Amino acid sequence: MIETSPLGFLRDVRLNVSVELGRRRFRIADILSLTQGSILELDKLAGEPLDIWVNDHLFARGEAVVVSEKFGVRITEIVAPAQRVGGLA
């Protein structure tokens, strides 16, 4: 099938997508003391939106969902285009 969209060639470009639950800074000693079952407190509260990053740029926000016993993310907000483009500079 011939692609008629002028940007059709972009469909095959790979992007790194990551979902962030929160962040926290640790000292090396704290990291080395972690064991199985350790709990890491993050800077977000339970129920707050997850950040969705594309190639290290904030793209959207969403919420965690379970579908067929697998975790997923439902996108609830796309970051404004001006914010997304501004982050590329």
Protein backbone atom coordinates (compact mmCIF):
# COMPACT_ATOMS: atom_id res chain seq x y z
CA MET A 1 0.00 0.00 0.00
CA ILE A 2 1.33 3.44 -0.92
CA GLU A 3 1.32 6.02 1.87
CA THR A 4 -0.47 9.19 0.76
CA SER A 5 0.19 11.29 3.87
CA PRO A 6 3.13 13.69 3.52
CA LEU A 7 4.34 12.54 6.96
CA GLY A 8 3.72 8.84 6.34
CA PHE A 9 7.44 8.06 6.48
CA LEU A 10 7.38 8.91 10.20
CA ARG A 11 5.20 5.90 10.98
CA ASP A 12 8.27 3.63 11.15
CA VAL A 13 10.34 5.86 13.45
CA ARG A 14 10.94 4.21 16.83
CA LEU A 15 10.41 6.24 20.00
CA ASN A 16 11.26 5.48 23.62
CA VAL A 17 8.12 5.69 25.75
CA SER A 18 8.29 5.53 29.54
CA VAL A 19 5.76 6.00 32.32
CA GLU A 20 6.86 7.63 35.55
CA LEU A 21 5.16 6.89 38.86
CA GLY A 22 7.31 9.41 40.72
CA ARG A 23 10.87 10.31 41.59
CA ARG A 24 13.16 10.22 44.57
CA ARG A 25 16.85 10.89 45.20
CA PHE A 26 18.87 8.35 47.17
CA ARG A 27 22.34 8.19 48.60
CA ILE A 28 24.42 5.24 47.41
CA ALA A 29 24.35 3.77 50.93
CA ASP A 30 20.53 3.78 50.85
CA ILE A 31 20.46 2.03 47.47
CA LEU A 32 22.91 -0.63 48.66
CA SER A 33 20.73 -1.37 51.68
CA LEU A 34 17.64 -2.20 49.58
CA THR A 35 16.43 -5.78 49.72
CA GLN A 36 13.57 -7.73 48.21
CA GLY A 37 10.36 -6.30 49.66
CA SER A 38 11.84 -2.85 50.34
CA ILE A 39 9.43 0.04 49.82
CA LEU A 40 10.57 3.16 48.00
CA GLU A 41 8.58 6.28 48.84
CA LEU A 42 8.08 8.51 45.80
CA ASP A 43 7.20 12.19 45.45
CA LYS A 44 3.65 11.48 44.22
CA LEU A 45 0.62 10.34 46.15
CA ALA A 46 -1.38 7.23 45.24
CA GLY A 47 -4.00 8.17 42.66
CA GLU A 48 -2.07 11.11 41.20
CA PRO A 49 -1.65 11.10 37.41
CA LEU A 50 1.30 9.20 35.92
CA ASP A 51 3.65 11.11 33.63
CA ILE A 52 4.13 9.68 30.13
CA TRP A 53 7.46 10.57 28.53
CA VAL A 54 8.43 10.18 24.86
CA ASN A 55 12.16 10.41 24.16
CA ASP A 56 12.71 12.07 27.55
CA HIS A 57 10.08 14.78 26.94
CA LEU A 58 6.81 14.97 28.89
CA PHE A 59 4.07 14.07 26.40
CA ALA A 60 0.97 13.19 28.42
CA ARG A 61 -0.50 12.19 31.76
CA GLY A 62 -2.60 9.17 32.58
CA GLU A 63 -3.79 6.68 35.15
CA ALA A 64 -2.82 3.09 35.83
CA VAL A 65 -5.31 0.44 34.71
CA VAL A 66 -5.41 -3.36 34.66
CA VAL A 67 -6.55 -5.00 31.42
CA SER A 68 -6.63 -8.79 31.12
CA GLU A 69 -4.39 -9.10 34.21
CA LYS A 70 -1.75 -6.77 32.71
CA PHE A 71 -0.93 -3.23 33.75
CA GLY A 72 -1.50 -0.40 31.32
CA VAL A 73 -1.93 3.36 31.25
CA ARG A 74 -5.06 5.21 30.21
CA ILE A 75 -4.10 8.59 28.75
CA THR A 76 -6.16 11.32 30.41
CA GLU A 77 -4.33 14.44 29.21
CA ILE A 78 -2.04 15.30 26.31
CA VAL A 79 0.44 18.03 27.19
CA ALA A 80 -0.20 21.24 25.24
CA PRO A 81 1.68 21.34 21.90
CA ALA A 82 3.53 24.52 22.91
CA GLN A 83 4.87 22.74 26.02
CA ARG A 84 5.89 19.66 24.01
CA VAL A 85 7.66 21.65 21.29
CA GLY A 86 9.23 23.98 23.86
CA GLY A 87 10.73 20.97 25.59
CA LEU A 88 12.56 19.96 22.43
CA ALA A 89 14.73 23.07 22.34
